[in-house]
Amino acid sequence: MTVVTSPLAGRAIGLAAVPDPVFSGVMVGPGTAVDPVRGPSVAVAPVDGIIVSLHAHAFVVVDDEGHGVLTHLGIDTVQLNGRGFDLVAAKGDTVRRGAPIVRWNPAEVEAEGKSPVCPVVALEAVPDALGNVAEDVDVPLGGTLFTWR
């Protein structure tokens, strides 16, 4: 079983509350979303593993069980073309849970007219593979978001 922890401090709001039909409709995969604390922040690895995809606004870490976890920093933030995001890790890096990956500021994303809400998604998972999914609760950085069987 994989425990997926929060890459950000904030409030777990669930995927249904994400202002994007691709995430709220669970088309990418099941999981939850975090409405992050506003202010300068660092998004961290939600699991131990290898960074297999890394963009300014999103990253995927795959653990040793083959579970890929997508962290998407904000909604429609790809349109910012990396502005306001600073990569502190590289694709291919092996990381431990809690390792810094991207520096950003959710308040600046919001000032650009984008939602800072961050989906955290279990890629290629079926919804009933997840348990203890955090929703409507405050989560600290590194707090449990869900388990993946």
N, C-alpha and C. Protein backbone atom coordinates (compact mmCIF):
# COMPACT_ATOMS: atom_id res chain seq x y z
N MET A 1 0.85 -1.19 0.00
CA MET A 1 0.00 0.00 0.00
C MET A 1 0.88 1.24 0.00
N THR A 2 0.48 2.22 -0.78
CA THR A 2 1.20 3.49 -0.86
C THR A 2 0.41 4.55 -0.09
N VAL A 3 1.09 5.28 0.77
CA VAL A 3 0.49 6.43 1.44
C VAL A 3 0.93 7.66 0.65
N VAL A 4 -0.05 8.44 0.19
CA VAL A 4 0.23 9.66 -0.56
C VAL A 4 0.01 10.84 0.38
N THR A 5 1.06 11.65 0.54
CA THR A 5 0.98 12.78 1.47
C THR A 5 0.86 14.09 0.71
N SER A 6 0.44 15.10 1.42
CA SER A 6 0.19 16.39 0.79
C SER A 6 1.47 17.12 0.40
N PRO A 7 1.58 17.50 -0.87
CA PRO A 7 2.75 18.24 -1.32
C PRO A 7 2.71 19.71 -0.89
N LEU A 8 1.59 20.12 -0.27
CA LEU A 8 1.38 21.51 0.14
C LEU A 8 0.54 21.56 1.40
N ALA A 9 0.70 22.61 2.17
CA ALA A 9 -0.20 22.85 3.29
C ALA A 9 -1.43 23.58 2.75
N GLY A 10 -2.59 23.23 3.28
CA GLY A 10 -3.82 23.89 2.84
C GLY A 10 -5.04 23.12 3.29
N ARG A 11 -6.09 23.19 2.48
CA ARG A 11 -7.33 22.49 2.80
C ARG A 11 -7.63 21.49 1.70
N ALA A 12 -7.78 20.23 2.07
CA ALA A 12 -8.19 19.21 1.11
C ALA A 12 -9.66 19.46 0.79
N ILE A 13 -9.96 19.63 -0.50
CA ILE A 13 -11.32 19.98 -0.91
C ILE A 13 -11.99 18.91 -1.77
N GLY A 14 -11.23 17.89 -2.17
CA GLY A 14 -11.80 16.86 -3.03
C GLY A 14 -11.77 17.27 -4.50
N LEU A 15 -11.72 16.29 -5.38
CA LEU A 15 -11.65 16.59 -6.82
C LEU A 15 -12.92 17.23 -7.35
N ALA A 16 -14.08 16.90 -6.79
CA ALA A 16 -15.34 17.45 -7.29
C ALA A 16 -15.36 18.98 -7.20
N ALA A 17 -14.58 19.55 -6.29
CA ALA A 17 -14.55 21.01 -6.11
C ALA A 17 -13.52 21.71 -7.00
N VAL A 18 -12.78 20.96 -7.81
CA VAL A 18 -11.77 21.56 -8.67
C VAL A 18 -12.45 22.26 -9.85
N PRO A 19 -12.09 23.52 -10.12
CA PRO A 19 -12.74 24.26 -11.20
C PRO A 19 -12.19 23.91 -12.59
N ASP A 20 -12.17 22.61 -12.88
CA ASP A 20 -11.73 22.11 -14.17
C ASP A 20 -12.39 20.75 -14.37
N PRO A 21 -13.19 20.60 -15.45
CA PRO A 21 -13.94 19.35 -15.63
C PRO A 21 -13.08 18.11 -15.83
N VAL A 22 -11.87 18.28 -16.31
CA VAL A 22 -10.98 17.13 -16.50
C VAL A 22 -10.61 16.52 -15.15
N PHE A 23 -10.33 17.38 -14.17
CA PHE A 23 -10.00 16.89 -12.83
C PHE A 23 -11.26 16.55 -12.03
N SER A 24 -12.25 17.45 -12.04
CA SER A 24 -13.46 17.21 -11.24
C SER A 24 -14.23 16.00 -11.74
N GLY A 25 -14.11 15.69 -13.04
CA GLY A 25 -14.77 14.52 -13.60
C GLY A 25 -13.95 13.25 -13.47
N VAL A 26 -12.83 13.31 -12.76
CA VAL A 26 -11.95 12.18 -12.48
C VAL A 26 -11.44 11.54 -13.78
N MET A 27 -11.29 12.35 -14.83
CA MET A 27 -10.80 11.83 -16.11
C MET A 27 -9.30 11.52 -16.06
N VAL A 28 -8.56 12.25 -15.24
CA VAL A 28 -7.12 12.01 -15.11
C VAL A 28 -6.87 10.84 -14.17
N GLY A 29 -7.74 10.72 -13.17
CA GLY A 29 -7.64 9.66 -12.18
C GLY A 29 -8.25 10.14 -10.87
N PRO A 30 -8.43 9.22 -9.92
CA PRO A 30 -8.99 9.59 -8.63
C PRO A 30 -7.93 10.25 -7.74
N GLY A 31 -8.39 10.87 -6.70
CA GLY A 31 -7.48 11.53 -5.76
C GLY A 31 -8.23 12.58 -4.98
N THR A 32 -7.57 13.67 -4.71
CA THR A 32 -8.19 14.80 -4.03
C THR A 32 -7.50 16.06 -4.52
N ALA A 33 -7.84 17.18 -3.94
CA ALA A 33 -7.20 18.44 -4.31
C ALA A 33 -6.96 19.25 -3.04
N VAL A 34 -5.92 20.08 -3.11
CA VAL A 34 -5.57 20.92 -1.97
C VAL A 34 -5.70 22.38 -2.40
N ASP A 35 -6.47 23.15 -1.63
CA ASP A 35 -6.52 24.60 -1.80
C ASP A 35 -5.40 25.11 -0.89
N PRO A 36 -4.27 25.52 -1.50
CA PRO A 36 -3.07 25.79 -0.70
C PRO A 36 -3.14 27.09 0.11
N VAL A 37 -2.36 27.11 1.17
CA VAL A 37 -2.15 28.33 1.94
C VAL A 37 -1.52 29.34 0.98
N ARG A 38 -1.97 30.58 1.04
CA ARG A 38 -1.44 31.62 0.15
C ARG A 38 -0.11 32.13 0.67
N GLY A 39 0.79 32.44 -0.24
CA GLY A 39 2.11 32.92 0.11
C GLY A 39 3.17 32.03 -0.50
N PRO A 40 4.44 32.48 -0.45
CA PRO A 40 5.52 31.69 -1.01
C PRO A 40 5.55 30.28 -0.44
N SER A 41 5.76 29.30 -1.29
CA SER A 41 5.63 27.91 -0.89
C SER A 41 6.55 27.04 -1.73
N VAL A 42 6.77 25.83 -1.25
CA VAL A 42 7.50 24.82 -2.02
C VAL A 42 6.64 23.58 -2.08
N ALA A 43 6.34 23.12 -3.29
CA ALA A 43 5.62 21.85 -3.46
C ALA A 43 6.64 20.73 -3.35
N VAL A 44 6.28 19.70 -2.57
CA VAL A 44 7.22 18.62 -2.29
C VAL A 44 6.69 17.29 -2.82
N ALA A 45 7.57 16.31 -2.86
CA ALA A 45 7.21 14.97 -3.33
C ALA A 45 6.18 14.34 -2.39
N PRO A 46 5.07 13.80 -2.95
CA PRO A 46 4.05 13.17 -2.12
C PRO A 46 4.34 11.70 -1.79
N VAL A 47 5.34 11.14 -2.46
CA VAL A 47 5.77 9.75 -2.24
C VAL A 47 7.27 9.66 -2.50
N ASP A 48 7.90 8.60 -2.02
CA ASP A 48 9.28 8.29 -2.42
C ASP A 48 9.22 7.76 -3.84
N GLY A 49 10.15 8.17 -4.68
CA GLY A 49 10.16 7.63 -6.03
C GLY A 49 11.03 8.41 -6.98
N ILE A 50 10.70 8.28 -8.26
CA ILE A 50 11.44 8.95 -9.33
C ILE A 50 10.53 9.96 -10.00
N ILE A 51 11.07 11.16 -10.23
CA ILE A 51 10.31 12.18 -10.96
C ILE A 51 10.35 11.78 -12.44
N VAL A 52 9.20 11.36 -12.97
CA VAL A 52 9.15 10.91 -14.37
C VAL A 52 8.65 11.98 -15.31
N SER A 53 8.02 13.01 -14.76
CA SER A 53 7.55 14.13 -15.56
C SER A 53 7.67 15.38 -14.70
N LEU A 54 8.20 16.44 -15.28
CA LEU A 54 8.38 17.68 -14.51
C LEU A 54 8.21 18.88 -15.42
N HIS A 55 7.22 19.68 -15.09
CA HIS A 55 6.96 20.95 -15.76
C HIS A 55 6.89 21.99 -14.65
N ALA A 56 6.92 23.25 -15.00
CA ALA A 56 6.86 24.30 -13.98
C ALA A 56 5.60 24.15 -13.12
N HIS A 57 4.48 23.78 -13.76
CA HIS A 57 3.18 23.77 -13.09
C HIS A 57 2.71 22.38 -12.65
N ALA A 58 3.48 21.33 -12.93
CA ALA A 58 3.01 19.98 -12.61
C ALA A 58 4.18 19.00 -12.59
N PHE A 59 4.02 17.95 -11.79
CA PHE A 59 5.03 16.90 -11.77
C PHE A 59 4.41 15.56 -11.40
N VAL A 60 5.09 14.49 -11.83
CA VAL A 60 4.66 13.13 -11.52
C VAL A 60 5.83 12.40 -10.87
N VAL A 61 5.55 11.78 -9.72
CA VAL A 61 6.52 10.94 -9.04
C VAL A 61 5.96 9.52 -9.05
N VAL A 62 6.77 8.56 -9.49
CA VAL A 62 6.37 7.15 -9.51
C VAL A 62 7.15 6.42 -8.42
N ASP A 63 6.40 5.71 -7.56
CA ASP A 63 7.05 4.99 -6.46
C ASP A 63 7.52 3.61 -6.92
N ASP A 64 8.15 2.86 -6.02
CA ASP A 64 8.72 1.57 -6.40
C ASP A 64 7.67 0.50 -6.65
N GLU A 65 6.40 0.78 -6.36
CA GLU A 65 5.30 -0.13 -6.70
C GLU A 65 4.71 0.21 -8.06
N GLY A 66 5.23 1.26 -8.71
CA GLY A 66 4.72 1.67 -10.01
C GLY A 66 3.55 2.63 -9.94
N HIS A 67 3.24 3.12 -8.74
CA HIS A 67 2.15 4.09 -8.58
C HIS A 67 2.64 5.49 -8.96
N GLY A 68 2.01 6.09 -9.95
CA GLY A 68 2.35 7.45 -10.37
C GLY A 68 1.41 8.45 -9.75
N VAL A 69 1.96 9.46 -9.09
CA VAL A 69 1.16 10.49 -8.44
C VAL A 69 1.44 11.83 -9.12
N LEU A 70 0.37 12.41 -9.68
CA LEU A 70 0.45 13.72 -10.33
C LEU A 70 0.10 14.80 -9.32
N THR A 71 0.95 15.81 -9.23
CA THR A 71 0.64 17.03 -8.49
C THR A 71 0.56 18.14 -9.53
N HIS A 72 -0.60 18.79 -9.61
CA HIS A 72 -0.81 19.86 -10.59
C HIS A 72 -0.96 21.16 -9.81
N LEU A 73 -0.03 22.08 -9.99
CA LEU A 73 -0.01 23.32 -9.21
C LEU A 73 -0.91 24.37 -9.85
N GLY A 74 -2.14 24.41 -9.37
CA GLY A 74 -3.11 25.36 -9.89
C GLY A 74 -3.81 24.84 -11.14
N ILE A 75 -4.81 25.58 -11.56
CA ILE A 75 -5.61 25.23 -12.73
C ILE A 75 -5.33 26.24 -13.84
N ASP A 76 -5.11 25.73 -15.05
CA ASP A 76 -4.77 26.55 -16.23
C ASP A 76 -3.44 27.29 -16.06
N THR A 77 -2.61 26.83 -15.14
CA THR A 77 -1.33 27.50 -14.89
C THR A 77 -0.31 27.22 -15.99
N VAL A 78 -0.58 26.25 -16.86
CA VAL A 78 0.29 26.04 -18.02
C VAL A 78 0.33 27.32 -18.86
N GLN A 79 -0.75 28.10 -18.82
CA GLN A 79 -0.84 29.35 -19.59
C GLN A 79 0.13 30.42 -19.07
N LEU A 80 0.68 30.22 -17.89
CA LEU A 80 1.65 31.19 -17.34
C LEU A 80 3.05 30.95 -17.91
N ASN A 81 3.21 29.87 -18.68
CA ASN A 81 4.50 29.56 -19.33
C ASN A 81 5.68 29.56 -18.35
N GLY A 82 5.45 29.03 -17.16
CA GLY A 82 6.52 28.92 -16.18
C GLY A 82 6.73 30.14 -15.30
N ARG A 83 6.07 31.24 -15.63
CA ARG A 83 6.22 32.48 -14.85
C ARG A 83 5.70 32.26 -13.43
N GLY A 84 6.55 32.51 -12.44
CA GLY A 84 6.15 32.36 -11.05
C GLY A 84 6.48 31.00 -10.45
N PHE A 85 7.08 30.12 -11.25
CA PHE A 85 7.46 28.79 -10.78
C PHE A 85 8.96 28.62 -10.91
N ASP A 86 9.58 27.98 -9.93
CA ASP A 86 11.03 27.77 -9.94
C ASP A 86 11.31 26.30 -9.61
N LEU A 87 11.82 25.57 -10.59
CA LEU A 87 12.11 24.14 -10.38
C LEU A 87 13.33 24.00 -9.48
N VAL A 88 13.21 23.13 -8.46
CA VAL A 88 14.34 22.86 -7.57
C VAL A 88 14.75 21.39 -7.63
N ALA A 89 14.13 20.64 -8.53
CA ALA A 89 14.48 19.24 -8.79
C ALA A 89 14.50 19.07 -10.30
N ALA A 90 14.90 17.89 -10.75
CA ALA A 90 14.98 17.63 -12.18
C ALA A 90 14.29 16.31 -12.52
N LYS A 91 13.79 16.22 -13.75
CA LYS A 91 13.22 14.96 -14.23
C LYS A 91 14.30 13.89 -14.11
N GLY A 92 13.89 12.73 -13.62
CA GLY A 92 14.83 11.63 -13.44
C GLY A 92 15.42 11.54 -12.04
N ASP A 93 15.24 12.60 -11.24
CA ASP A 93 15.75 12.58 -9.87
C ASP A 93 15.00 11.52 -9.05
N THR A 94 15.74 10.84 -8.18
CA THR A 94 15.12 9.98 -7.18
C THR A 94 14.92 10.86 -5.95
N VAL A 95 13.67 10.88 -5.45
CA VAL A 95 13.34 11.77 -4.33
C VAL A 95 12.70 10.99 -3.19
N ARG A 96 12.84 11.54 -2.01
CA ARG A 96 12.16 11.02 -0.83
C ARG A 96 10.92 11.87 -0.61
N ARG A 97 9.93 11.28 0.00
CA ARG A 97 8.71 12.02 0.36
C ARG A 97 9.13 13.30 1.09
N GLY A 98 8.55 14.43 0.70
CA GLY A 98 8.86 15.70 1.34
C GLY A 98 10.00 16.48 0.69
N ALA A 99 10.66 15.87 -0.31
CA ALA A 99 11.75 16.58 -1.00
C ALA A 99 11.17 17.73 -1.82
N PRO A 100 11.80 18.91 -1.78
CA PRO A 100 11.29 20.04 -2.56
C PRO A 100 11.41 19.79 -4.06
N ILE A 101 10.35 20.19 -4.79
CA ILE A 101 10.35 20.00 -6.24
C ILE A 101 10.14 21.32 -6.98
N VAL A 102 9.14 22.11 -6.56
CA VAL A 102 8.85 23.38 -7.25
C VAL A 102 8.56 24.47 -6.22
N ARG A 103 9.24 25.62 -6.36
CA ARG A 103 8.91 26.81 -5.56
C ARG A 103 7.87 27.61 -6.34
N TRP A 104 6.86 28.12 -5.62
CA TRP A 104 5.83 28.93 -6.27
C TRP A 104 5.09 29.71 -5.20
N ASN A 105 4.17 30.58 -5.66
CA ASN A 105 3.38 31.37 -4.73
C ASN A 105 1.92 31.32 -5.18
N PRO A 106 1.08 30.56 -4.47
CA PRO A 106 -0.32 30.46 -4.85
C PRO A 106 -1.03 31.82 -4.94
N ALA A 107 -0.63 32.78 -4.11
CA ALA A 107 -1.24 34.11 -4.16
C ALA A 107 -0.94 34.80 -5.50
N GLU A 108 0.27 34.60 -6.03
CA GLU A 108 0.61 35.18 -7.33
C GLU A 108 -0.16 34.52 -8.46
N VAL A 109 -0.37 33.22 -8.36
CA VAL A 109 -1.18 32.50 -9.35
C VAL A 109 -2.60 33.08 -9.35
N GLU A 110 -3.14 33.28 -8.17
CA GLU A 110 -4.48 33.85 -8.03
C GLU A 110 -4.53 35.26 -8.61
N ALA A 111 -3.48 36.05 -8.38
CA ALA A 111 -3.41 37.42 -8.91
C ALA A 111 -3.38 37.43 -10.43
N GLU A 112 -2.90 36.33 -11.03
CA GLU A 112 -2.87 36.20 -12.49
C GLU A 112 -4.22 35.73 -13.04
N GLY A 113 -5.20 35.56 -12.15
CA GLY A 113 -6.53 35.15 -12.58
C GLY A 113 -6.72 33.65 -12.71
N LYS A 114 -5.79 32.88 -12.15
CA LYS A 114 -5.87 31.42 -12.20
C LYS A 114 -6.21 30.87 -10.82
N SER A 115 -6.81 29.70 -10.79
CA SER A 115 -7.09 29.06 -9.51
C SER A 115 -5.82 28.40 -8.99
N PRO A 116 -5.49 28.60 -7.70
CA PRO A 116 -4.32 27.95 -7.12
C PRO A 116 -4.59 26.53 -6.63
N VAL A 117 -5.82 26.05 -6.79
CA VAL A 117 -6.18 24.71 -6.32
C VAL A 117 -5.32 23.66 -7.01
N CYS A 118 -4.81 22.70 -6.20
CA CYS A 118 -3.85 21.71 -6.68
C CYS A 118 -4.41 20.29 -6.61
N PRO A 119 -4.82 19.73 -7.75
CA PRO A 119 -5.20 18.32 -7.75
C PRO A 119 -3.98 17.44 -7.47
N VAL A 120 -4.20 16.40 -6.68
CA VAL A 120 -3.19 15.37 -6.42
C VAL A 120 -3.87 14.06 -6.80
N VAL A 121 -3.38 13.47 -7.90
CA VAL A 121 -4.11 12.40 -8.57
C VAL A 121 -3.31 11.11 -8.65
N ALA A 122 -3.99 10.00 -8.41
CA ALA A 122 -3.42 8.67 -8.58
C ALA A 122 -3.61 8.28 -10.04
N LEU A 123 -2.53 8.31 -10.81
CA LEU A 123 -2.63 8.04 -12.24
C LEU A 123 -2.88 6.55 -12.49
N GLU A 124 -3.72 6.28 -13.47
CA GLU A 124 -4.05 4.91 -13.89
C GLU A 124 -4.57 4.06 -12.74
N ALA A 125 -5.32 4.70 -11.83
CA ALA A 125 -5.92 3.98 -10.71
C ALA A 125 -7.43 3.98 -10.86
N VAL A 126 -8.06 2.96 -10.31
CA VAL A 126 -9.52 2.96 -10.24
C VAL A 126 -9.92 3.58 -8.91
N PRO A 127 -11.05 4.29 -8.89
CA PRO A 127 -11.44 5.00 -7.66
C PRO A 127 -11.45 4.13 -6.40
N ASP A 128 -11.90 2.86 -6.51
CA ASP A 128 -11.97 2.06 -5.30
C ASP A 128 -10.61 1.51 -4.85
N ALA A 129 -9.55 1.86 -5.57
CA ALA A 129 -8.19 1.51 -5.12
C ALA A 129 -7.70 2.46 -4.05
N LEU A 130 -8.39 3.61 -3.89
CA LEU A 130 -7.97 4.60 -2.90
C LEU A 130 -8.80 4.49 -1.63
N GLY A 131 -8.15 4.75 -0.53
CA GLY A 131 -8.85 4.76 0.75
C GLY A 131 -8.46 5.99 1.55
N ASN A 132 -9.26 6.29 2.56
CA ASN A 132 -8.97 7.40 3.47
C ASN A 132 -8.68 8.70 2.72
N VAL A 133 -9.47 8.99 1.69
CA VAL A 133 -9.25 10.19 0.88
C VAL A 133 -9.64 11.43 1.68
N ALA A 134 -8.67 12.34 1.83
CA ALA A 134 -8.91 13.57 2.60
C ALA A 134 -9.81 14.52 1.79
N GLU A 135 -10.84 15.00 2.44
CA GLU A 135 -11.75 15.95 1.80
C GLU A 135 -12.39 16.79 2.89
N ASP A 136 -12.47 18.09 2.65
CA ASP A 136 -13.08 19.02 3.60
C ASP A 136 -12.39 18.99 4.95
N VAL A 137 -11.03 19.02 4.87
CA VAL A 137 -10.24 18.99 6.10
C VAL A 137 -8.92 19.74 5.83
N ASP A 138 -8.41 20.42 6.84
CA ASP A 138 -7.11 21.08 6.72
C ASP A 138 -6.02 20.01 6.72
N VAL A 139 -5.03 20.19 5.85
CA VAL A 139 -3.91 19.24 5.80
C VAL A 139 -2.59 20.01 5.92
N PRO A 140 -1.71 19.52 6.77
CA PRO A 140 -0.38 20.13 6.84
C PRO A 140 0.48 19.61 5.69
N LEU A 141 1.55 20.28 5.41
CA LEU A 141 2.53 19.78 4.47
C LEU A 141 2.96 18.41 4.97
N GLY A 142 2.85 17.38 4.11
CA GLY A 142 3.22 16.03 4.50
C GLY A 142 2.13 15.24 5.19
N GLY A 143 0.95 15.86 5.39
CA GLY A 143 -0.18 15.12 5.98
C GLY A 143 -0.74 14.13 4.97
N THR A 144 -1.35 13.06 5.44
CA THR A 144 -1.89 12.03 4.54
C THR A 144 -3.07 12.56 3.74
N LEU A 145 -3.00 12.36 2.40
CA LEU A 145 -4.13 12.71 1.51
C LEU A 145 -4.97 11.49 1.17
N PHE A 146 -4.32 10.36 0.91
CA PHE A 146 -5.04 9.12 0.66
C PHE A 146 -4.06 7.94 0.68
N THR A 147 -4.64 6.75 0.77
CA THR A 147 -3.85 5.53 0.63
C THR A 147 -4.24 4.88 -0.69
N TRP A 148 -3.29 4.14 -1.27
CA TRP A 148 -3.49 3.50 -2.57
C TRP A 148 -3.12 2.03 -2.42
N ARG A 149 -4.15 1.18 -2.60
CA ARG A 149 -3.94 -0.27 -2.47
C ARG A 149 -3.56 -0.87 -3.80
